[in-house]
């Protein structure tokens, strides 16, 4: 049996989006935009929004030059 292995996703640079989950019991998913790559599943939409906010804060911290 052959398994297709996807390369890792860099969460600090990937173009991510919040979408409705197709999986039973999960309301929301964070996916790589334009690709069938699920990054995370959430039972509540607010949790997905919070996770995206944390990723945005991490990205901003990496872009901020050291003083």
C-alpha atoms as a PDB file:
ATOM      1  CA  UNK A   1       0.000   0.000   0.000  1.00  0.00           C
ATOM      2  CA  UNK A   2       1.381   3.381  -1.020  1.00  0.00           C
ATOM      3  CA  UNK A   3       0.729   6.472   1.095  1.00  0.00           C
ATOM      4  CA  UNK A   4       0.999   9.929  -0.373  1.00  0.00           C
ATOM      5  CA  UNK A   5       2.846  12.184   2.023  1.00  0.00           C
ATOM      6  CA  UNK A   6       2.315  15.916   1.814  1.00  0.00           C
ATOM      7  CA  UNK A   7       5.180  18.260   2.661  1.00  0.00           C
ATOM      8  CA  UNK A   8       4.893  20.065   6.018  1.00  0.00           C
ATOM      9  CA  UNK A   9       3.007  23.369   6.113  1.00  0.00           C
ATOM     10  CA  UNK A  10       4.832  26.405   7.486  1.00  0.00           C
ATOM     11  CA  UNK A  11       2.106  28.071   9.549  1.00  0.00           C
ATOM     12  CA  UNK A  12       4.011  31.339   9.660  1.00  0.00           C
ATOM     13  CA  UNK A  13       3.969  31.778   5.870  1.00  0.00           C
ATOM     14  CA  UNK A  14       1.057  29.680   4.547  1.00  0.00           C
ATOM     15  CA  UNK A  15      -2.039  31.417   3.184  1.00  0.00           C
ATOM     16  CA  UNK A  16      -4.745  30.056   5.513  1.00  0.00           C
ATOM     17  CA  UNK A  17      -8.518  30.411   5.562  1.00  0.00           C
ATOM     18  CA  UNK A  18     -11.420  29.512   7.850  1.00  0.00           C
ATOM     19  CA  UNK A  19     -14.077  27.327   6.216  1.00  0.00           C
ATOM     20  CA  UNK A  20     -17.022  25.185   7.263  1.00  0.00           C
ATOM     21  CA  UNK A  21     -15.910  21.699   8.186  1.00  0.00           C
ATOM     22  CA  UNK A  22     -17.143  18.733   6.180  1.00  0.00           C
ATOM     23  CA  UNK A  23     -16.428  16.374   9.081  1.00  0.00           C
ATOM     24  CA  UNK A  24     -19.270  15.350  11.388  1.00  0.00           C
ATOM     25  CA  UNK A  25     -18.948  16.867  14.844  1.00  0.00           C
ATOM     26  CA  UNK A  26     -16.660  19.694  13.699  1.00  0.00           C
ATOM     27  CA  UNK A  27     -18.122  23.088  12.727  1.00  0.00           C
ATOM     28  CA  UNK A  28     -15.071  24.864  11.364  1.00  0.00           C
ATOM     29  CA  UNK A  29     -11.727  24.088   9.759  1.00  0.00           C
ATOM     30  CA  UNK A  30      -8.565  26.045   9.106  1.00  0.00           C
ATOM     31  CA  UNK A  31      -7.231  25.066   5.699  1.00  0.00           C
ATOM     32  CA  UNK A  32      -4.496  26.100   3.297  1.00  0.00           C
ATOM     33  CA  UNK A  33      -6.214  28.441   0.834  1.00  0.00           C
ATOM     34  CA  UNK A  34      -6.813  26.814  -2.529  1.00  0.00           C
ATOM     35  CA  UNK A  35      -5.600  23.375  -1.421  1.00  0.00           C
ATOM     36  CA  UNK A  36      -7.322  20.372   0.179  1.00  0.00           C
ATOM     37  CA  UNK A  37      -5.056  20.653   3.243  1.00  0.00           C
ATOM     38  CA  UNK A  38      -6.792  20.739   6.620  1.00  0.00           C
ATOM     39  CA  UNK A  39      -4.614  22.324   9.299  1.00  0.00           C
ATOM     40  CA  UNK A  40      -7.017  22.151  12.248  1.00  0.00           C
ATOM     41  CA  UNK A  41     -10.618  21.274  13.103  1.00  0.00           C
ATOM     42  CA  UNK A  42     -12.763  23.133  15.645  1.00  0.00           C
ATOM     43  CA  UNK A  43     -16.117  22.441  17.253  1.00  0.00           C
ATOM     44  CA  UNK A  44     -16.798  26.171  17.653  1.00  0.00           C
ATOM     45  CA  UNK A  45     -16.245  28.940  15.087  1.00  0.00           C
ATOM     46  CA  UNK A  46     -14.937  31.282  17.812  1.00  0.00           C
ATOM     47  CA  UNK A  47     -12.122  28.828  18.582  1.00  0.00           C
ATOM     48  CA  UNK A  48     -10.993  28.897  14.934  1.00  0.00           C
ATOM     49  CA  UNK A  49     -11.029  32.701  14.960  1.00  0.00           C
ATOM     50  CA  UNK A  50      -8.933  32.708  18.141  1.00  0.00           C
ATOM     51  CA  UNK A  51      -6.419  30.276  16.599  1.00  0.00           C
ATOM     52  CA  UNK A  52      -6.113  32.456  13.484  1.00  0.00           C
ATOM     53  CA  UNK A  53      -5.555  35.500  15.729  1.00  0.00           C
ATOM     54  CA  UNK A  54      -2.761  33.674  17.565  1.00  0.00           C
ATOM     55  CA  UNK A  55      -1.134  32.771  14.239  1.00  0.00           C
ATOM     56  CA  UNK A  56      -1.399  36.400  13.114  1.00  0.00           C
ATOM     57  CA  UNK A  57       0.229  37.563  16.358  1.00  0.00           C
ATOM     58  CA  UNK A  58       3.055  35.066  15.864  1.00  0.00           C
ATOM     59  CA  UNK A  59       3.581  36.247  12.300  1.00  0.00           C
ATOM     60  CA  UNK A  60       3.633  39.884  13.421  1.00  0.00           C
ATOM     61  CA  UNK A  61       6.199  39.083  16.106  1.00  0.00           C
ATOM     62  CA  UNK A  62       8.462  37.469  13.495  1.00  0.00           C
ATOM     63  CA  UNK A  63       8.158  40.485  11.199  1.00  0.00           C
ATOM     64  CA  UNK A  64       8.921  43.032  13.903  1.00  0.00           C
ATOM     65  CA  UNK A  65      12.618  43.948  13.855  1.00  0.00           C
ATOM     66  CA  UNK A  66      14.465  43.686  17.143  1.00  0.00           C
ATOM     67  CA  UNK A  67      15.019  47.003  18.870  1.00  0.00           C
END
